[in-house]
């Protein structure tokens, strides 16, 4: 698991305050109410004003908020990675492998031939003029 920056500088904390202060009302104040047909709440805008003002006036005091937010983000990223990779494996890789196995296709040519001296496949050397005009 990755680690968070334990000693963020003033600029990083100020950027954290600005970005979080901008995304909170955009997501919770505009996008979600618009998607679900609810009234537009005020609290995201209040949170945004507080975060942006906090980032402007005392960015170094945002360090505890930054640490908690980044820890939550790391945990969610760890969980999401496992979910996304599992979905991709079971919806894409497993069915393709099953179909290829049913069709008898083996792209790695893993069949054993006892009479064969070597399994080495010689590479095809392209002509030198191939590189001169690739397109």
Protein backbone atom coordinates (compact mmCIF):
# COMPACT_ATOMS: atom_id res chain seq x y z
CA UNK A 1 0.00 0.00 0.00
CA UNK A 2 1.25 3.48 -0.80
CA UNK A 3 1.96 5.94 1.93
CA UNK A 4 0.83 9.53 2.28
CA UNK A 5 3.16 12.49 2.42
CA UNK A 6 3.58 12.96 6.19
CA UNK A 7 5.20 16.40 5.79
CA UNK A 8 3.30 18.29 3.08
CA UNK A 9 4.57 21.78 2.39
CA UNK A 10 2.56 24.99 2.42
CA UNK A 11 1.88 24.92 -1.32
CA UNK A 12 0.62 21.33 -1.26
CA UNK A 13 -1.72 22.05 1.65
CA UNK A 14 -3.00 25.22 -0.03
CA UNK A 15 -3.68 23.26 -3.24
CA UNK A 16 -5.44 20.58 -1.18
CA UNK A 17 -7.72 23.23 0.34
CA UNK A 18 -8.49 24.82 -3.03
CA UNK A 19 -9.16 21.54 -4.82
CA UNK A 20 -11.25 20.04 -2.02
CA UNK A 21 -13.05 23.35 -1.61
CA UNK A 22 -13.85 23.39 -5.32
CA UNK A 23 -14.87 19.77 -5.74
CA UNK A 24 -17.15 19.63 -2.69
CA UNK A 25 -19.79 22.06 -4.00
CA UNK A 26 -19.36 20.84 -7.58
CA UNK A 27 -20.10 17.26 -6.60
CA UNK A 28 -22.41 17.54 -3.57
CA UNK A 29 -23.95 20.93 -4.35
CA UNK A 30 -24.54 20.67 -8.08
CA UNK A 31 -24.00 17.25 -9.67
CA UNK A 32 -25.72 14.88 -7.21
CA UNK A 33 -28.80 17.09 -6.62
CA UNK A 34 -29.14 17.62 -10.37
CA UNK A 35 -28.83 13.88 -11.14
CA UNK A 36 -31.32 12.79 -8.49
CA UNK A 37 -33.73 15.73 -8.79
CA UNK A 38 -33.23 17.11 -5.26
CA UNK A 39 -33.02 20.70 -4.10
CA UNK A 40 -29.59 22.28 -4.18
CA UNK A 41 -28.23 22.25 -0.59
CA UNK A 42 -26.27 25.05 1.05
CA UNK A 43 -23.86 23.02 3.18
CA UNK A 44 -21.41 22.16 0.34
CA UNK A 45 -21.01 25.85 -0.40
CA UNK A 46 -20.35 26.61 3.25
CA UNK A 47 -17.74 23.83 3.39
CA UNK A 48 -16.15 25.22 0.21
CA UNK A 49 -15.90 28.75 1.59
CA UNK A 50 -14.42 27.48 4.86
CA UNK A 51 -11.84 25.28 3.08
CA UNK A 52 -10.77 27.95 0.60
CA UNK A 53 -10.51 30.61 3.32
CA UNK A 54 -8.63 28.15 5.54
CA UNK A 55 -6.23 27.38 2.67
CA UNK A 56 -5.63 31.08 2.06
CA UNK A 57 -5.15 32.15 5.68
CA UNK A 58 -3.59 29.16 7.51
CA UNK A 59 -2.63 26.42 5.03
CA UNK A 60 -0.25 24.67 7.46
CA UNK A 61 -3.11 24.06 9.90
CA UNK A 62 -4.84 21.91 7.23
CA UNK A 63 -2.31 19.14 7.90
CA UNK A 64 -4.62 16.95 10.11
CA UNK A 65 -7.49 17.25 7.61
CA UNK A 66 -5.07 16.42 4.78
CA UNK A 67 -3.79 13.30 6.57
CA UNK A 68 -7.28 11.98 7.32
CA UNK A 69 -8.46 12.69 3.76
CA UNK A 70 -5.43 11.02 2.18
CA UNK A 71 -5.72 7.98 4.48
CA UNK A 72 -9.36 7.56 3.48
CA UNK A 73 -8.36 7.96 -0.17
CA UNK A 74 -5.64 5.31 0.11
CA UNK A 75 -8.04 2.84 1.73
CA UNK A 76 -10.71 3.44 -0.90
CA UNK A 77 -8.12 3.14 -3.67
CA UNK A 78 -6.94 -0.20 -2.29
CA UNK A 79 -10.52 -1.51 -2.18
CA UNK A 80 -11.46 -0.13 -5.62
CA UNK A 81 -8.38 -1.66 -7.23
CA UNK A 82 -9.38 -5.13 -6.05
CA UNK A 83 -12.97 -4.65 -7.17
CA UNK A 84 -12.06 -3.30 -10.63
CA UNK A 85 -9.41 -5.96 -11.27
CA UNK A 86 -11.77 -8.73 -10.14
CA UNK A 87 -14.54 -7.47 -12.41
CA UNK A 88 -12.13 -7.23 -15.37
CA UNK A 89 -10.80 -10.73 -14.73
CA UNK A 90 -14.20 -12.40 -14.43
CA UNK A 91 -15.92 -10.44 -17.22
CA UNK A 92 -13.09 -10.26 -19.79
CA UNK A 93 -10.09 -12.52 -19.21
CA UNK A 94 -11.88 -15.63 -17.91
CA UNK A 95 -14.48 -15.79 -20.74
CA UNK A 96 -11.84 -15.18 -23.43
CA UNK A 97 -9.67 -17.93 -21.97
CA UNK A 98 -12.62 -20.32 -21.73
CA UNK A 99 -13.65 -19.69 -25.35
CA UNK A 100 -10.06 -20.14 -26.54
CA UNK A 101 -9.74 -23.37 -24.58
CA UNK A 102 -13.03 -24.69 -26.00
CA UNK A 103 -11.87 -23.76 -29.51
CA UNK A 104 -8.56 -25.56 -28.96
CA UNK A 105 -6.52 -22.39 -29.47
CA UNK A 106 -3.19 -22.15 -27.63
CA UNK A 107 -1.39 -18.89 -28.53
CA UNK A 108 1.65 -19.86 -26.46
CA UNK A 109 2.06 -23.22 -28.28
CA UNK A 110 2.52 -25.19 -25.07
CA UNK A 111 2.04 -28.64 -26.59
CA UNK A 112 4.75 -31.19 -25.78
CA UNK A 113 6.45 -32.93 -28.68
CA UNK A 114 9.00 -35.51 -27.49
CA UNK A 115 10.54 -35.88 -30.96
CA UNK A 116 11.26 -32.17 -31.29
CA UNK A 117 14.84 -31.22 -30.46
CA UNK A 118 14.10 -27.62 -29.37
CA UNK A 119 11.08 -25.40 -28.84
CA UNK A 120 12.91 -22.28 -29.94
CA UNK A 121 11.04 -20.20 -32.49
CA UNK A 122 13.36 -18.24 -34.72
CA UNK A 123 12.47 -14.60 -35.06
CA UNK A 124 11.79 -13.09 -38.44
CA UNK A 125 14.42 -10.51 -39.33
CA UNK A 126 12.80 -7.63 -41.24
CA UNK A 127 14.42 -6.18 -44.32
CA UNK A 128 16.64 -3.11 -43.72
CA UNK A 129 14.49 -1.02 -46.05
CA UNK A 130 11.55 -1.61 -43.73
CA UNK A 131 13.00 0.91 -41.27
CA UNK A 132 13.76 3.56 -43.89
CA UNK A 133 10.12 4.20 -44.79
CA UNK A 134 7.97 2.86 -41.98
CA UNK A 135 4.76 4.47 -43.25
